[in-house]
Amino acid sequence: MKLLLAIVNNDDSARAAAALTDRGFFVTKLSTTGGFLMVGNTTLLIGTEDNCVDEVKKILAKFCTTRRSAPPPTEALGRGMKHGSLPNEVTVGGATVFVLNVEETIKI
């Protein structure tokens, strides 16, 4: 058994979660905040059998797209950031996926 932690952009989370549940996967959504841009993300917790991991990754790749975005003003990031120290645009979106081994699953 595997647990996939997928950190996805808020703009993609609803479509990705719906596609996963349509395929019979159980998905738990957590609201999270990224460290660099300090914007909201969604972390999807997906438990599945070992042989279904590739299918989950394909679904996430289809619905979690990358795009260009302007970073927030440096004032929003706190002390120590100098004006102009961030690029004009950054790539956001996509998904960061961690695949973890699950020793035991219990539903109570």
PDB file of N, CA and C in Angstrom:
ATOM      1  N   MET A   1       0.854  -1.179   0.000  1.00  0.00           N
ATOM      2  CA  MET A   1       0.000   0.000   0.000  1.00  0.00           C
ATOM      3  C   MET A   1       0.895   1.236   0.000  1.00  0.00           C
ATOM      4  N   LYS A   2       0.419   2.282  -0.667  1.00  0.00           N
ATOM      5  CA  LYS A   2       1.157   3.548  -0.767  1.00  0.00           C
ATOM      6  C   LYS A   2       0.262   4.707  -0.338  1.00  0.00           C
ATOM      7  N   LEU A   3       0.918   5.745   0.167  1.00  0.00           N
ATOM      8  CA  LEU A   3       0.253   7.016   0.436  1.00  0.00           C
ATOM      9  C   LEU A   3       0.948   8.062  -0.406  1.00  0.00           C
ATOM     10  N   LEU A   4       0.196   8.725  -1.264  1.00  0.00           N
ATOM     11  CA  LEU A   4       0.740   9.797  -2.082  1.00  0.00           C
ATOM     12  C   LEU A   4       0.335  11.124  -1.471  1.00  0.00           C
ATOM     13  N   LEU A   5       1.313  11.981  -1.248  1.00  0.00           N
ATOM     14  CA  LEU A   5       1.073  13.358  -0.824  1.00  0.00           C
ATOM     15  C   LEU A   5       1.320  14.222  -2.044  1.00  0.00           C
ATOM     16  N   ALA A   6       0.283  14.827  -2.565  1.00  0.00           N
ATOM     17  CA  ALA A   6       0.398  15.643  -3.772  1.00  0.00           C
ATOM     18  C   ALA A   6       0.104  17.092  -3.413  1.00  0.00           C
ATOM     19  N   ILE A   7       1.112  17.950  -3.550  1.00  0.00           N
ATOM     20  CA  ILE A   7       0.939  19.376  -3.287  1.00  0.00           C
ATOM     21  C   ILE A   7       0.641  20.028  -4.619  1.00  0.00           C
ATOM     22  N   VAL A   8      -0.562  20.585  -4.748  1.00  0.00           N
ATOM     23  CA  VAL A   8      -1.025  21.128  -6.020  1.00  0.00           C
ATOM     24  C   VAL A   8      -1.511  22.562  -5.827  1.00  0.00           C
ATOM     25  N   ASN A   9      -1.560  23.299  -6.913  1.00  0.00           N
ATOM     26  CA  ASN A   9      -2.062  24.665  -6.910  1.00  0.00           C
ATOM     27  C   ASN A   9      -3.557  24.638  -6.616  1.00  0.00           C
ATOM     28  N   ASN A  10      -4.034  25.621  -5.843  1.00  0.00           N
ATOM     29  CA  ASN A  10      -5.470  25.698  -5.547  1.00  0.00           C
ATOM     30  C   ASN A  10      -6.326  25.711  -6.805  1.00  0.00           C
ATOM     31  N   ASP A  11      -5.829  26.332  -7.871  1.00  0.00           N
ATOM     32  CA  ASP A  11      -6.597  26.414  -9.116  1.00  0.00           C
ATOM     33  C   ASP A  11      -6.821  25.045  -9.745  1.00  0.00           C
ATOM     34  N   ASP A  12      -5.973  24.070  -9.435  1.00  0.00           N
ATOM     35  CA  ASP A  12      -6.058  22.741 -10.035  1.00  0.00           C
ATOM     36  C   ASP A  12      -6.673  21.701  -9.103  1.00  0.00           C
ATOM     37  N   SER A  13      -6.780  22.013  -7.826  1.00  0.00           N
ATOM     38  CA  SER A  13      -7.115  20.983  -6.846  1.00  0.00           C
ATOM     39  C   SER A  13      -8.502  20.368  -7.031  1.00  0.00           C
ATOM     40  N   ALA A  14      -9.501  21.171  -7.313  1.00  0.00           N
ATOM     41  CA  ALA A  14     -10.867  20.637  -7.436  1.00  0.00           C
ATOM     42  C   ALA A  14     -10.973  19.672  -8.623  1.00  0.00           C
ATOM     43  N   ARG A  15     -10.389  20.058  -9.762  1.00  0.00           N
ATOM     44  CA  ARG A  15     -10.458  19.173 -10.941  1.00  0.00           C
ATOM     45  C   ARG A  15      -9.669  17.892 -10.720  1.00  0.00           C
ATOM     46  N   ALA A  16      -8.494  18.000 -10.108  1.00  0.00           N
ATOM     47  CA  ALA A  16      -7.674  16.819  -9.860  1.00  0.00           C
ATOM     48  C   ALA A  16      -8.366  15.881  -8.872  1.00  0.00           C
ATOM     49  N   ALA A  17      -8.900  16.430  -7.790  1.00  0.00           N
ATOM     50  CA  ALA A  17      -9.587  15.596  -6.799  1.00  0.00           C
ATOM     51  C   ALA A  17     -10.821  14.930  -7.389  1.00  0.00           C
ATOM     52  N   ALA A  18     -11.568  15.669  -8.206  1.00  0.00           N
ATOM     53  CA  ALA A  18     -12.758  15.090  -8.837  1.00  0.00           C
ATOM     54  C   ALA A  18     -12.378  13.959  -9.790  1.00  0.00           C
ATOM     55  N   ALA A  19     -11.323  14.145 -10.572  1.00  0.00           N
ATOM     56  CA  ALA A  19     -10.884  13.096 -11.502  1.00  0.00           C
ATOM     57  C   ALA A  19     -10.420  11.859 -10.740  1.00  0.00           C
ATOM     58  N   LEU A  20      -9.725  12.057  -9.626  1.00  0.00           N
ATOM     59  CA  LEU A  20      -9.269  10.925  -8.823  1.00  0.00           C
ATOM     60  C   LEU A  20     -10.444  10.170  -8.210  1.00  0.00           C
ATOM     61  N   THR A  21     -11.412  10.887  -7.652  1.00  0.00           N
ATOM     62  CA  THR A  21     -12.565  10.205  -7.042  1.00  0.00           C
ATOM     63  C   THR A  21     -13.429   9.534  -8.102  1.00  0.00           C
ATOM     64  N   ASP A  22     -13.523  10.119  -9.300  1.00  0.00           N
ATOM     65  CA  ASP A  22     -14.261   9.480 -10.390  1.00  0.00           C
ATOM     66  C   ASP A  22     -13.658   8.128 -10.761  1.00  0.00           C
ATOM     67  N   ARG A  23     -12.332   7.994 -10.581  1.00  0.00           N
ATOM     68  CA  ARG A  23     -11.630   6.735 -10.875  1.00  0.00           C
ATOM     69  C   ARG A  23     -11.614   5.795  -9.666  1.00  0.00           C
ATOM     70  N   GLY A  24     -12.286   6.178  -8.576  1.00  0.00           N
ATOM     71  CA  GLY A  24     -12.417   5.295  -7.423  1.00  0.00           C
ATOM     72  C   GLY A  24     -11.366   5.468  -6.339  1.00  0.00           C
ATOM     73  N   PHE A  25     -10.528   6.498  -6.459  1.00  0.00           N
ATOM     74  CA  PHE A  25      -9.517   6.742  -5.431  1.00  0.00           C
ATOM     75  C   PHE A  25     -10.128   7.562  -4.302  1.00  0.00           C
ATOM     76  N   PHE A  26      -9.687   7.290  -3.079  1.00  0.00           N
ATOM     77  CA  PHE A  26     -10.109   8.073  -1.923  1.00  0.00           C
ATOM     78  C   PHE A  26      -9.122   9.217  -1.747  1.00  0.00           C
ATOM     79  N   VAL A  27      -9.646  10.436  -1.648  1.00  0.00           N
ATOM     80  CA  VAL A  27      -8.809  11.633  -1.586  1.00  0.00           C
ATOM     81  C   VAL A  27      -9.226  12.486  -0.400  1.00  0.00           C
ATOM     82  N   THR A  28      -8.237  12.928   0.374  1.00  0.00           N
ATOM     83  CA  THR A  28      -8.465  13.895   1.436  1.00  0.00           C
ATOM     84  C   THR A  28      -7.738  15.173   1.063  1.00  0.00           C
ATOM     85  N   LYS A  29      -8.440  16.309   1.136  1.00  0.00           N
ATOM     86  CA  LYS A  29      -7.852  17.601   0.777  1.00  0.00           C
ATOM     87  C   LYS A  29      -7.498  18.384   2.029  1.00  0.00           C
ATOM     88  N   LEU A  30      -6.276  18.915   2.048  1.00  0.00           N
ATOM     89  CA  LEU A  30      -5.826  19.780   3.134  1.00  0.00           C
ATOM     90  C   LEU A  30      -5.437  21.133   2.560  1.00  0.00           C
ATOM     91  N   SER A  31      -5.832  22.202   3.199  1.00  0.00           N
ATOM     92  CA  SER A  31      -5.403  23.539   2.785  1.00  0.00           C
ATOM     93  C   SER A  31      -4.010  23.785   3.356  1.00  0.00           C
ATOM     94  N   THR A  32      -3.070  24.165   2.489  1.00  0.00           N
ATOM     95  CA  THR A  32      -1.701  24.413   2.914  1.00  0.00           C
ATOM     96  C   THR A  32      -1.210  25.706   2.285  1.00  0.00           C
ATOM     97  N   THR A  33      -0.071  26.193   2.769  1.00  0.00           N
ATOM     98  CA  THR A  33       0.516  27.420   2.244  1.00  0.00           C
ATOM     99  C   THR A  33       1.956  27.152   1.862  1.00  0.00           C
ATOM    100  N   GLY A  34       2.330  27.576   0.655  1.00  0.00           N
ATOM    101  CA  GLY A  34       3.701  27.395   0.191  1.00  0.00           C
ATOM    102  C   GLY A  34       4.649  28.367   0.864  1.00  0.00           C
ATOM    103  N   GLY A  35       5.906  27.988   0.952  1.00  0.00           N
ATOM    104  CA  GLY A  35       6.887  28.804   1.639  1.00  0.00           C
ATOM    105  C   GLY A  35       7.451  29.944   0.824  1.00  0.00           C
ATOM    106  N   PHE A  36       7.671  29.766  -0.482  1.00  0.00           N
ATOM    107  CA  PHE A  36       8.335  30.792  -1.277  1.00  0.00           C
ATOM    108  C   PHE A  36       7.386  31.921  -1.653  1.00  0.00           C
ATOM    109  N   LEU A  37       6.275  31.599  -2.290  1.00  0.00           N
ATOM    110  CA  LEU A  37       5.338  32.640  -2.723  1.00  0.00           C
ATOM    111  C   LEU A  37       4.286  32.960  -1.667  1.00  0.00           C
ATOM    112  N   MET A  38       4.230  32.169  -0.616  1.00  0.00           N
ATOM    113  CA  MET A  38       3.270  32.389   0.460  1.00  0.00           C
ATOM    114  C   MET A  38       1.834  32.427  -0.051  1.00  0.00           C
ATOM    115  N   VAL A  39       1.521  31.564  -0.989  1.00  0.00           N
ATOM    116  CA  VAL A  39       0.167  31.478  -1.530  1.00  0.00           C
ATOM    117  C   VAL A  39      -0.429  30.136  -1.148  1.00  0.00           C
ATOM    118  N   GLY A  40      -1.747  30.063  -1.206  1.00  0.00           N
ATOM    119  CA  GLY A  40      -2.437  28.841  -0.841  1.00  0.00           C
ATOM    120  C   GLY A  40      -2.210  27.712  -1.838  1.00  0.00           C
ATOM    121  N   ASN A  41      -2.030  26.542  -1.296  1.00  0.00           N
ATOM    122  CA  ASN A  41      -1.943  25.314  -2.071  1.00  0.00           C
ATOM    123  C   ASN A  41      -2.951  24.343  -1.485  1.00  0.00           C
ATOM    124  N   THR A  42      -3.083  23.209  -2.116  1.00  0.00           N
ATOM    125  CA  THR A  42      -3.870  22.116  -1.569  1.00  0.00           C
ATOM    126  C   THR A  42      -2.980  20.888  -1.550  1.00  0.00           C
ATOM    127  N   THR A  43      -2.962  20.210  -0.425  1.00  0.00           N
ATOM    128  CA  THR A  43      -2.249  18.941  -0.340  1.00  0.00           C
ATOM    129  C   THR A  43      -3.289  17.837  -0.379  1.00  0.00           C
ATOM    130  N   LEU A  44      -3.156  16.961  -1.366  1.00  0.00           N
ATOM    131  CA  LEU A  44      -4.066  15.826  -1.515  1.00  0.00           C
ATOM    132  C   LEU A  44      -3.405  14.604  -0.897  1.00  0.00           C
ATOM    133  N   LEU A  45      -4.116  13.923  -0.022  1.00  0.00           N
ATOM    134  CA  LEU A  45      -3.671  12.651   0.548  1.00  0.00           C
ATOM    135  C   LEU A  45      -4.410  11.548  -0.187  1.00  0.00           C
ATOM    136  N   ILE A  46      -3.665  10.668  -0.834  1.00  0.00           N
ATOM    137  CA  ILE A  46      -4.274   9.633  -1.673  1.00  0.00           C
ATOM    138  C   ILE A  46      -3.675   8.293  -1.265  1.00  0.00           C
ATOM    139  N   GLY A  47      -4.502   7.431  -0.715  1.00  0.00           N
ATOM    140  CA  GLY A  47      -4.060   6.086  -0.376  1.00  0.00           C
ATOM    141  C   GLY A  47      -4.455   5.133  -1.482  1.00  0.00           C
ATOM    142  N   THR A  48      -3.520   4.267  -1.892  1.00  0.00           N
ATOM    143  CA  THR A  48      -3.822   3.343  -2.979  1.00  0.00           C
ATOM    144  C   THR A  48      -2.909   2.121  -2.931  1.00  0.00           C
ATOM    145  N   GLU A  49      -3.265   1.132  -3.702  1.00  0.00           N
ATOM    146  CA  GLU A  49      -2.425  -0.056  -3.829  1.00  0.00           C
ATOM    147  C   GLU A  49      -1.209   0.276  -4.683  1.00  0.00           C
ATOM    148  N   ASP A  50      -0.138  -0.486  -4.486  1.00  0.00           N
ATOM    149  CA  ASP A  50       1.125  -0.237  -5.189  1.00  0.00           C
ATOM    150  C   ASP A  50       0.955  -0.175  -6.704  1.00  0.00           C
ATOM    151  N   ASN A  51       0.113  -1.055  -7.256  1.00  0.00           N
ATOM    152  CA  ASN A  51      -0.033  -1.135  -8.715  1.00  0.00           C
ATOM    153  C   ASN A  51      -0.849   0.015  -9.309  1.00  0.00           C
ATOM    154  N   CYS A  52      -1.408   0.898  -8.479  1.00  0.00           N
ATOM    155  CA  CYS A  52      -2.214   2.024  -8.981  1.00  0.00           C
ATOM    156  C   CYS A  52      -1.481   3.362  -8.909  1.00  0.00           C
ATOM    157  N   VAL A  53      -0.258   3.367  -8.399  1.00  0.00           N
ATOM    158  CA  VAL A  53       0.487   4.620  -8.227  1.00  0.00           C
ATOM    159  C   VAL A  53       0.674   5.341  -9.563  1.00  0.00           C
ATOM    160  N   ASP A  54       1.029   4.607 -10.616  1.00  0.00           N
ATOM    161  CA  ASP A  54       1.235   5.243 -11.920  1.00  0.00           C
ATOM    162  C   ASP A  54      -0.038   5.894 -12.444  1.00  0.00           C
ATOM    163  N   GLU A  55      -1.184   5.265 -12.224  1.00  0.00           N
ATOM    164  CA  GLU A  55      -2.454   5.852 -12.668  1.00  0.00           C
ATOM    165  C   GLU A  55      -2.727   7.160 -11.937  1.00  0.00           C
ATOM    166  N   VAL A  56      -2.472   7.203 -10.636  1.00  0.00           N
ATOM    167  CA  VAL A  56      -2.663   8.434  -9.868  1.00  0.00           C
ATOM    168  C   VAL A  56      -1.750   9.530 -10.413  1.00  0.00           C
ATOM    169  N   LYS A  57      -0.498   9.192 -10.678  1.00  0.00           N
ATOM    170  CA  LYS A  57       0.443  10.190 -11.195  1.00  0.00           C
ATOM    171  C   LYS A  57       0.021  10.697 -12.566  1.00  0.00           C
ATOM    172  N   LYS A  58      -0.526   9.840 -13.407  1.00  0.00           N
ATOM    173  CA  LYS A  58      -1.004  10.277 -14.726  1.00  0.00           C
ATOM    174  C   LYS A  58      -2.182  11.234 -14.597  1.00  0.00           C
ATOM    175  N   ILE A  59      -3.090  10.951 -13.682  1.00  0.00           N
ATOM    176  CA  ILE A  59      -4.242  11.836 -13.469  1.00  0.00           C
ATOM    177  C   ILE A  59      -3.762  13.196 -12.959  1.00  0.00           C
ATOM    178  N   LEU A  60      -2.845  13.197 -12.017  1.00  0.00           N
ATOM    179  CA  LEU A  60      -2.322  14.465 -11.500  1.00  0.00           C
ATOM    180  C   LEU A  60      -1.611  15.251 -12.604  1.00  0.00           C
ATOM    181  N   ALA A  61      -0.836  14.565 -13.439  1.00  0.00           N
ATOM    182  CA  ALA A  61      -0.135  15.243 -14.536  1.00  0.00           C
ATOM    183  C   ALA A  61      -1.115  15.869 -15.524  1.00  0.00           C
ATOM    184  N   LYS A  62      -2.248  15.226 -15.728  1.00  0.00           N
ATOM    185  CA  LYS A  62      -3.242  15.750 -16.671  1.00  0.00           C
ATOM    186  C   LYS A  62      -3.942  17.004 -16.146  1.00  0.00           C
ATOM    187  N   PHE A  63      -4.210  17.047 -14.847  1.00  0.00           N
ATOM    188  CA  PHE A  63      -5.029  18.128 -14.297  1.00  0.00           C
ATOM    189  C   PHE A  63      -4.254  19.198 -13.534  1.00  0.00           C
ATOM    190  N   CYS A  64      -2.987  18.977 -13.273  1.00  0.00           N
ATOM    191  CA  CYS A  64      -2.178  19.949 -12.523  1.00  0.00           C
ATOM    192  C   CYS A  64      -1.165  20.571 -13.482  1.00  0.00           C
ATOM    193  N   THR A  65      -1.539  21.678 -14.074  1.00  0.00           N
ATOM    194  CA  THR A  65      -0.721  22.292 -15.118  1.00  0.00           C
ATOM    195  C   THR A  65       0.142  23.421 -14.539  1.00  0.00           C
ATOM    196  N   THR A  66       1.244  23.690 -15.220  1.00  0.00           N
ATOM    197  CA  THR A  66       2.089  24.812 -14.812  1.00  0.00           C
ATOM    198  C   THR A  66       1.700  26.063 -15.583  1.00  0.00           C
ATOM    199  N   ARG A  67       1.964  27.209 -14.984  1.00  0.00           N
ATOM    200  CA  ARG A  67       1.699  28.498 -15.626  1.00  0.00           C
ATOM    201  C   ARG A  67       2.648  29.523 -15.034  1.00  0.00           C
ATOM    202  N   ARG A  68       2.755  30.672 -15.673  1.00  0.00           N
ATOM    203  CA  ARG A  68       3.628  31.761 -15.206  1.00  0.00           C
ATOM    204  C   ARG A  68       2.801  32.721 -14.358  1.00  0.00           C
ATOM    205  N   SER A  69       3.420  33.240 -13.292  1.00  0.00           N
ATOM    206  CA  SER A  69       2.727  34.153 -12.393  1.00  0.00           C
ATOM    207  C   SER A  69       3.727  35.167 -11.853  1.00  0.00           C
ATOM    208  N   ALA A  70       3.224  36.345 -11.536  1.00  0.00           N
ATOM    209  CA  ALA A  70       4.062  37.371 -10.909  1.00  0.00           C
ATOM    210  C   ALA A  70       4.175  37.049  -9.424  1.00  0.00           C
ATOM    211  N   PRO A  71       5.375  37.150  -8.849  1.00  0.00           N
ATOM    212  CA  PRO A  71       5.514  36.907  -7.409  1.00  0.00           C
ATOM    213  C   PRO A  71       4.892  38.050  -6.616  1.00  0.00           C
ATOM    214  N   PRO A  72       4.587  37.817  -5.331  1.00  0.00           N
ATOM    215  CA  PRO A  72       4.019  38.892  -4.522  1.00  0.00           C
ATOM    216  C   PRO A  72       5.067  39.970  -4.280  1.00  0.00           C
ATOM    217  N   PRO A  73       4.635  41.165  -3.884  1.00  0.00           N
ATOM    218  CA  PRO A  73       5.615  42.205  -3.550  1.00  0.00           C
ATOM    219  C   PRO A  73       6.504  41.721  -2.409  1.00  0.00           C
ATOM    220  N   THR A  74       7.755  42.172  -2.392  1.00  0.00           N
ATOM    221  CA  THR A  74       8.696  41.713  -1.365  1.00  0.00           C
ATOM    222  C   THR A  74       8.226  42.070   0.040  1.00  0.00           C
ATOM    223  N   GLU A  75       7.426  43.116   0.170  1.00  0.00           N
ATOM    224  CA  GLU A  75       6.913  43.501   1.482  1.00  0.00           C
ATOM    225  C   GLU A  75       6.053  42.379   2.071  1.00  0.00           C
ATOM    226  N   ALA A  76       5.390  41.614   1.222  1.00  0.00           N
ATOM    227  CA  ALA A  76       4.520  40.539   1.690  1.00  0.00           C
ATOM    228  C   ALA A  76       5.315  39.345   2.204  1.00  0.00           C
ATOM    229  N   LEU A  77       6.592  39.283   1.876  1.00  0.00           N
ATOM    230  CA  LEU A  77       7.404  38.137   2.261  1.00  0.00           C
ATOM    231  C   LEU A  77       8.162  38.349   3.563  1.00  0.00           C
ATOM    232  N   GLY A  78       8.080  39.513   4.135  1.00  0.00           N
ATOM    233  CA  GLY A  78       8.714  39.746   5.430  1.00  0.00           C
ATOM    234  C   GLY A  78      10.023  40.485   5.324  1.00  0.00           C
ATOM    235  N   ARG A  79      10.688  40.599   6.439  1.00  0.00           N
ATOM    236  CA  ARG A  79      11.934  41.348   6.528  1.00  0.00           C
ATOM    237  C   ARG A  79      13.061  40.627   5.808  1.00  0.00           C
ATOM    238  N   GLY A  80      14.021  41.392   5.362  1.00  0.00           N
ATOM    239  CA  GLY A  80      15.217  40.821   4.755  1.00  0.00           C
ATOM    240  C   GLY A  80      15.161  40.699   3.244  1.00  0.00           C
ATOM    241  N   MET A  81      14.018  40.928   2.644  1.00  0.00           N
ATOM    242  CA  MET A  81      13.902  40.851   1.188  1.00  0.00           C
ATOM    243  C   MET A  81      14.107  42.247   0.613  1.00  0.00           C
ATOM    244  N   LYS A  82      14.973  42.365  -0.365  1.00  0.00           N
ATOM    245  CA  LYS A  82      15.228  43.649  -0.998  1.00  0.00           C
ATOM    246  C   LYS A  82      14.356  43.811  -2.229  1.00  0.00           C
ATOM    247  N   HIS A  83      13.970  45.056  -2.504  1.00  0.00           N
ATOM    248  CA  HIS A  83      13.172  45.348  -3.686  1.00  0.00           C
ATOM    249  C   HIS A  83      13.921  44.868  -4.928  1.00  0.00           C
ATOM    250  N   GLY A  84      13.236  44.154  -5.790  1.00  0.00           N
ATOM    251  CA  GLY A  84      13.848  43.653  -7.022  1.00  0.00           C
ATOM    252  C   GLY A  84      14.633  42.366  -6.849  1.00  0.00           C
ATOM    253  N   SER A  85      14.573  41.755  -5.659  1.00  0.00           N
ATOM    254  CA  SER A  85      15.340  40.531  -5.431  1.00  0.00           C
ATOM    255  C   SER A  85      14.637  39.289  -5.959  1.00  0.00           C
ATOM    256  N   LEU A  86      13.368  39.410  -6.343  1.00  0.00           N
ATOM    257  CA  LEU A  86      12.634  38.285  -6.915  1.00  0.00           C
ATOM    258  C   LEU A  86      12.503  38.462  -8.422  1.00  0.00           C
ATOM    259  N   PRO A  87      12.400  37.362  -9.158  1.00  0.00           N
ATOM    260  CA  PRO A  87      12.212  37.486 -10.606  1.00  0.00           C
ATOM    261  C   PRO A  87      10.859  38.120 -10.928  1.00  0.00           C
ATOM    262  N   ASN A  88      10.725  38.626 -12.161  1.00  0.00           N
ATOM    263  CA  ASN A  88       9.463  39.245 -12.587  1.00  0.00           C
ATOM    264  C   ASN A  88       8.339  38.231 -12.683  1.00  0.00           C
ATOM    265  N   GLU A  89       8.674  37.013 -13.101  1.00  0.00           N
ATOM    266  CA  GLU A  89       7.685  35.947 -13.210  1.00  0.00           C
ATOM    267  C   GLU A  89       8.297  34.651 -12.690  1.00  0.00           C
ATOM    268  N   VAL A  90       7.432  33.807 -12.144  1.00  0.00           N
ATOM    269  CA  VAL A  90       7.851  32.486 -11.697  1.00  0.00           C
ATOM    270  C   VAL A  90       6.871  31.453 -12.234  1.00  0.00           C
ATOM    271  N   THR A  91       7.315  30.216 -12.319  1.00  0.00           N
ATOM    272  CA  THR A  91       6.441  29.131 -12.741  1.00  0.00           C
ATOM    273  C   THR A  91       5.726  28.590 -11.516  1.00  0.00           C
ATOM    274  N   VAL A  92       4.400  28.494 -11.605  1.00  0.00           N
ATOM    275  CA  VAL A  92       3.593  27.941 -10.518  1.00  0.00           C
ATOM    276  C   VAL A  92       2.749  26.807 -11.078  1.00  0.00           C
ATOM    277  N   GLY A  93       2.160  26.057 -10.192  1.00  0.00           N
ATOM    278  CA  GLY A  93       1.294  24.966 -10.606  1.00  0.00           C
ATOM    279  C   GLY A  93       2.044  23.659 -10.702  1.00  0.00           C
ATOM    280  N   GLY A  94       1.482  22.745 -11.478  1.00  0.00           N
ATOM    281  CA  GLY A  94       2.050  21.415 -11.513  1.00  0.00           C
ATOM    282  C   GLY A  94       1.716  20.713 -10.207  1.00  0.00           C
ATOM    283  N   ALA A  95       2.489  19.715  -9.874  1.00  0.00           N
ATOM    284  CA  ALA A  95       2.275  18.989  -8.625  1.00  0.00           C
ATOM    285  C   ALA A  95       3.611  18.484  -8.120  1.00  0.00           C
ATOM    286  N   THR A  96       3.776  18.523  -6.824  1.00  0.00           N
ATOM    287  CA  THR A  96       4.908  17.871  -6.173  1.00  0.00           C
ATOM    288  C   THR A  96       4.323  16.669  -5.449  1.00  0.00           C
ATOM    289  N   VAL A  97       4.787  15.478  -5.813  1.00  0.00           N
ATOM    290  CA  VAL A  97       4.189  14.246  -5.312  1.00  0.00           C
ATOM    291  C   VAL A  97       5.229  13.449  -4.524  1.00  0.00           C
ATOM    292  N   PHE A  98       4.874  13.075  -3.317  1.00  0.00           N
ATOM    293  CA  PHE A  98       5.688  12.197  -2.486  1.00  0.00           C
ATOM    294  C   PHE A  98       4.965  10.852  -2.403  1.00  0.00           C
ATOM    295  N   VAL A  99       5.676   9.775  -2.643  1.00  0.00           N
ATOM    296  CA  VAL A  99       5.101   8.436  -2.565  1.00  0.00           C
ATOM    297  C   VAL A  99       5.721   7.737  -1.357  1.00  0.00           C
ATOM    298  N   LEU A 100       4.871   7.390  -0.392  1.00  0.00           N
ATOM    299  CA  LEU A 100       5.328   6.804   0.864  1.00  0.00           C
ATOM    300  C   LEU A 100       4.800   5.380   1.021  1.00  0.00           C
ATOM    301  N   ASN A 101       5.610   4.528   1.598  1.00  0.00           N
ATOM    302  CA  ASN A 101       5.163   3.183   1.936  1.00  0.00           C
ATOM    303  C   ASN A 101       4.263   3.249   3.166  1.00  0.00           C
ATOM    304  N   VAL A 102       3.194   2.456   3.159  1.00  0.00           N
ATOM    305  CA  VAL A 102       2.278   2.392   4.286  1.00  0.00           C
ATOM    306  C   VAL A 102       2.392   1.011   4.909  1.00  0.00           C
ATOM    307  N   GLU A 103       2.740   0.993   6.161  1.00  0.00           N
ATOM    308  CA  GLU A 103       2.915  -0.276   6.851  1.00  0.00           C
ATOM    309  C   GLU A 103       1.572  -0.914   7.215  1.00  0.00           C
ATOM    310  N   GLU A 104       0.613  -0.074   7.620  1.00  0.00           N
ATOM    311  CA  GLU A 104      -0.675  -0.595   8.053  1.00  0.00           C
ATOM    312  C   GLU A 104      -1.740   0.468   7.835  1.00  0.00           C
ATOM    313  N   THR A 105      -2.934   0.024   7.470  1.00  0.00           N
ATOM    314  CA  THR A 105      -4.078   0.923   7.334  1.00  0.00           C
ATOM    315  C   THR A 105      -5.212   0.367   8.176  1.00  0.00           C
ATOM    316  N   ILE A 106      -5.809   1.218   8.997  1.00  0.00           N
ATOM    317  CA  ILE A 106      -6.914   0.806   9.853  1.00  0.00           C
ATOM    318  C   ILE A 106      -8.043   1.819   9.684  1.00  0.00           C
ATOM    319  N   LYS A 107      -9.249   1.341   9.416  1.00  0.00           N
ATOM    320  CA  LYS A 107     -10.423   2.214   9.386  1.00  0.00           C
ATOM    321  C   LYS A 107     -11.259   1.878  10.612  1.00  0.00           C
ATOM    322  N   ILE A 108     -11.457   2.882  11.447  1.00  0.00           N
ATOM    323  CA  ILE A 108     -12.207   2.666  12.692  1.00  0.00           C
ATOM    324  C   ILE A 108     -13.510   3.415  12.623  1.00  0.00           C
TER     325      ILE A 108
END
